[in-house]
Amino acid sequence: SILISVILPNAPWRPVLAVGEVVRSDSLSQGSLSAVRFVEISDTDRERIIHFTFNKQRQELSRRAEEEHL
C-alpha cells in the first residue's frame, strides 16, 4: 500500500488523502507511469476527484470542438 496526497488546482486548498495500491507500472524514456487503485479514501475526497476529472474532460471536449471549427 502507498499513502497518496494530491493537491488539486481547484479550491479549497486541502490535499486529497488516500491509501492506494499500484496496479500497473510502465517504464518510459522520461521516467515511469503507474496506475493506482484507491483502497481507502473519504467520500468527500472521492467526490473532489470525480468533480475535478469531469471538469478536465469537459475542457478537453470543448477544446477539441473549437479546433474542429477552425
N, C-alpha and C. Protein backbone atom coordinates (compact mmCIF):
# COMPACT_ATOMS: atom_id res chain seq x y z
N SER A 1 0.84 -1.20 0.00
CA SER A 1 0.00 0.00 0.00
C SER A 1 0.88 1.25 0.00
N ILE A 2 0.33 2.31 -0.57
CA ILE A 2 1.03 3.59 -0.58
C ILE A 2 0.09 4.67 -0.06
N LEU A 3 0.64 5.68 0.59
CA LEU A 3 -0.11 6.83 1.04
C LEU A 3 -0.08 7.87 -0.08
N ILE A 4 -1.25 8.38 -0.44
CA ILE A 4 -1.35 9.33 -1.54
C ILE A 4 -1.81 10.67 -0.99
N SER A 5 -1.14 11.72 -1.40
CA SER A 5 -1.52 13.08 -1.07
C SER A 5 -1.47 13.89 -2.36
N VAL A 6 -2.61 14.42 -2.77
CA VAL A 6 -2.70 15.15 -4.04
C VAL A 6 -3.30 16.52 -3.79
N ILE A 7 -2.67 17.54 -4.33
CA ILE A 7 -3.21 18.89 -4.28
C ILE A 7 -3.89 19.15 -5.62
N LEU A 8 -5.21 19.32 -5.62
CA LEU A 8 -5.93 19.65 -6.85
C LEU A 8 -5.88 21.15 -7.05
N PRO A 9 -5.80 21.61 -8.30
CA PRO A 9 -5.64 23.04 -8.54
C PRO A 9 -6.91 23.86 -8.33
N ASN A 10 -8.00 23.23 -7.91
CA ASN A 10 -9.21 23.99 -7.64
C ASN A 10 -9.42 24.11 -6.13
N ALA A 11 -10.17 25.13 -5.72
CA ALA A 11 -10.38 25.38 -4.29
C ALA A 11 -11.26 24.29 -3.70
N PRO A 12 -11.22 24.02 -2.43
CA PRO A 12 -10.34 24.63 -1.43
C PRO A 12 -8.97 23.97 -1.42
N TRP A 13 -7.99 24.72 -0.95
CA TRP A 13 -6.65 24.17 -0.88
C TRP A 13 -6.60 23.25 0.33
N ARG A 14 -6.76 22.00 0.06
CA ARG A 14 -6.65 20.95 1.06
C ARG A 14 -6.31 19.69 0.30
N PRO A 15 -5.26 19.00 0.69
CA PRO A 15 -4.87 17.83 -0.09
C PRO A 15 -5.91 16.72 -0.01
N VAL A 16 -6.02 15.98 -1.11
CA VAL A 16 -6.79 14.75 -1.13
C VAL A 16 -5.87 13.68 -0.53
N LEU A 17 -6.35 13.00 0.48
CA LEU A 17 -5.56 11.97 1.13
C LEU A 17 -6.22 10.61 0.91
N ALA A 18 -5.41 9.61 0.59
CA ALA A 18 -5.94 8.27 0.35
C ALA A 18 -4.84 7.24 0.54
N VAL A 19 -5.27 6.02 0.63
CA VAL A 19 -4.37 4.87 0.61
C VAL A 19 -4.66 4.14 -0.68
N GLY A 20 -3.62 3.75 -1.39
CA GLY A 20 -3.81 3.07 -2.66
C GLY A 20 -2.84 1.92 -2.83
N GLU A 21 -3.04 1.21 -3.93
CA GLU A 21 -2.10 0.15 -4.28
C GLU A 21 -1.81 0.26 -5.78
N VAL A 22 -0.56 0.06 -6.13
CA VAL A 22 -0.15 0.14 -7.54
C VAL A 22 -0.68 -1.10 -8.26
N VAL A 23 -1.43 -0.87 -9.34
CA VAL A 23 -1.97 -1.99 -10.11
C VAL A 23 -1.26 -2.17 -11.44
N ARG A 24 -0.48 -1.16 -11.86
CA ARG A 24 0.29 -1.27 -13.10
C ARG A 24 1.40 -0.23 -13.06
N SER A 25 2.55 -0.59 -13.61
CA SER A 25 3.67 0.34 -13.68
C SER A 25 4.42 0.09 -14.98
N ASP A 26 4.65 1.15 -15.74
CA ASP A 26 5.34 1.05 -17.01
C ASP A 26 6.54 1.99 -17.02
N SER A 27 7.66 1.51 -17.54
CA SER A 27 8.84 2.35 -17.69
C SER A 27 8.74 3.13 -18.99
N LEU A 28 9.07 4.41 -18.91
CA LEU A 28 9.08 5.28 -20.08
C LEU A 28 10.47 5.87 -20.24
N SER A 29 10.72 6.48 -21.38
CA SER A 29 12.05 7.06 -21.61
C SER A 29 12.34 8.20 -20.64
N GLN A 30 11.29 8.87 -20.15
CA GLN A 30 11.49 10.00 -19.24
C GLN A 30 11.04 9.69 -17.82
N GLY A 31 10.98 8.43 -17.42
CA GLY A 31 10.56 8.09 -16.07
C GLY A 31 9.66 6.87 -16.09
N SER A 32 8.62 6.93 -15.29
CA SER A 32 7.68 5.82 -15.24
C SER A 32 6.27 6.34 -15.07
N LEU A 33 5.31 5.49 -15.39
CA LEU A 33 3.90 5.81 -15.29
C LEU A 33 3.24 4.68 -14.51
N SER A 34 2.51 5.02 -13.47
CA SER A 34 1.87 3.99 -12.65
C SER A 34 0.38 4.25 -12.54
N ALA A 35 -0.39 3.18 -12.47
CA ALA A 35 -1.82 3.25 -12.21
C ALA A 35 -2.04 2.78 -10.78
N VAL A 36 -2.85 3.54 -10.04
CA VAL A 36 -3.08 3.25 -8.64
C VAL A 36 -4.58 3.09 -8.40
N ARG A 37 -4.93 2.08 -7.63
CA ARG A 37 -6.31 1.87 -7.23
C ARG A 37 -6.45 2.37 -5.80
N PHE A 38 -7.48 3.21 -5.58
CA PHE A 38 -7.73 3.70 -4.23
C PHE A 38 -8.28 2.56 -3.38
N VAL A 39 -7.67 2.36 -2.22
CA VAL A 39 -8.11 1.34 -1.28
C VAL A 39 -8.93 2.00 -0.17
N GLU A 40 -8.46 3.14 0.31
CA GLU A 40 -9.16 3.90 1.34
C GLU A 40 -9.15 5.37 0.94
N ILE A 41 -10.36 5.96 0.87
CA ILE A 41 -10.49 7.38 0.55
C ILE A 41 -11.84 7.84 1.09
N SER A 42 -11.88 9.05 1.63
CA SER A 42 -13.15 9.56 2.17
C SER A 42 -14.11 9.85 1.02
N ASP A 43 -15.39 9.84 1.32
CA ASP A 43 -16.39 10.16 0.31
C ASP A 43 -16.19 11.58 -0.23
N THR A 44 -15.83 12.50 0.65
CA THR A 44 -15.60 13.89 0.23
C THR A 44 -14.44 13.98 -0.76
N ASP A 45 -13.33 13.32 -0.46
CA ASP A 45 -12.18 13.36 -1.36
C ASP A 45 -12.47 12.64 -2.67
N ARG A 46 -13.23 11.54 -2.62
CA ARG A 46 -13.63 10.84 -3.84
C ARG A 46 -14.45 11.78 -4.74
N GLU A 47 -15.38 12.50 -4.15
CA GLU A 47 -16.20 13.45 -4.91
C GLU A 47 -15.36 14.57 -5.49
N ARG A 48 -14.36 15.04 -4.75
CA ARG A 48 -13.47 16.10 -5.26
C ARG A 48 -12.71 15.62 -6.49
N ILE A 49 -12.23 14.38 -6.46
CA ILE A 49 -11.50 13.83 -7.60
C ILE A 49 -12.44 13.65 -8.80
N ILE A 50 -13.64 13.14 -8.56
CA ILE A 50 -14.61 12.96 -9.64
C ILE A 50 -14.95 14.30 -10.27
N HIS A 51 -15.22 15.31 -9.45
CA HIS A 51 -15.56 16.65 -9.95
C HIS A 51 -14.41 17.22 -10.79
N PHE A 52 -13.19 17.12 -10.28
CA PHE A 52 -12.02 17.63 -10.99
C PHE A 52 -11.86 16.92 -12.34
N THR A 53 -12.01 15.58 -12.34
CA THR A 53 -11.84 14.79 -13.56
C THR A 53 -12.89 15.15 -14.61
N PHE A 54 -14.16 15.26 -14.21
CA PHE A 54 -15.21 15.62 -15.15
C PHE A 54 -14.98 17.01 -15.73
N ASN A 55 -14.54 17.96 -14.89
CA ASN A 55 -14.25 19.30 -15.41
C ASN A 55 -13.14 19.27 -16.44
N LYS A 56 -12.09 18.50 -16.19
CA LYS A 56 -10.99 18.39 -17.16
C LYS A 56 -11.49 17.75 -18.47
N GLN A 57 -12.35 16.75 -18.37
CA GLN A 57 -12.89 16.12 -19.58
C GLN A 57 -13.73 17.11 -20.37
N ARG A 58 -14.56 17.90 -19.69
CA ARG A 58 -15.37 18.92 -20.38
C ARG A 58 -14.47 19.94 -21.08
N GLN A 59 -13.41 20.38 -20.40
CA GLN A 59 -12.49 21.33 -21.01
C GLN A 59 -11.85 20.75 -22.26
N GLU A 60 -11.45 19.50 -22.20
CA GLU A 60 -10.81 18.85 -23.35
C GLU A 60 -11.80 18.70 -24.51
N LEU A 61 -13.02 18.31 -24.23
CA LEU A 61 -14.04 18.20 -25.28
C LEU A 61 -14.32 19.55 -25.92
N SER A 62 -14.38 20.59 -25.10
CA SER A 62 -14.61 21.94 -25.61
C SER A 62 -13.44 22.38 -26.49
N ARG A 63 -12.23 22.10 -26.05
CA ARG A 63 -11.04 22.47 -26.83
C ARG A 63 -11.04 21.76 -28.18
N ARG A 64 -11.38 20.48 -28.19
CA ARG A 64 -11.42 19.73 -29.44
C ARG A 64 -12.50 20.25 -30.38
N ALA A 65 -13.65 20.61 -29.82
CA ALA A 65 -14.73 21.14 -30.64
C ALA A 65 -14.31 22.47 -31.27
N GLU A 66 -13.62 23.31 -30.53
CA GLU A 66 -13.14 24.58 -31.07
C GLU A 66 -12.14 24.34 -32.20
N GLU A 67 -11.25 23.37 -32.04
CA GLU A 67 -10.26 23.08 -33.08
C GLU A 67 -10.93 22.59 -34.37
N GLU A 68 -12.01 21.82 -34.23
CA GLU A 68 -12.71 21.32 -35.41
C GLU A 68 -13.40 22.45 -36.19
N HIS A 69 -13.76 23.53 -35.52
CA HIS A 69 -14.44 24.63 -36.18
C HIS A 69 -13.48 25.67 -36.74
N LEU A 70 -12.19 25.47 -36.58
CA LEU A 70 -11.21 26.44 -37.13
C LEU A 70 -10.86 26.13 -38.56
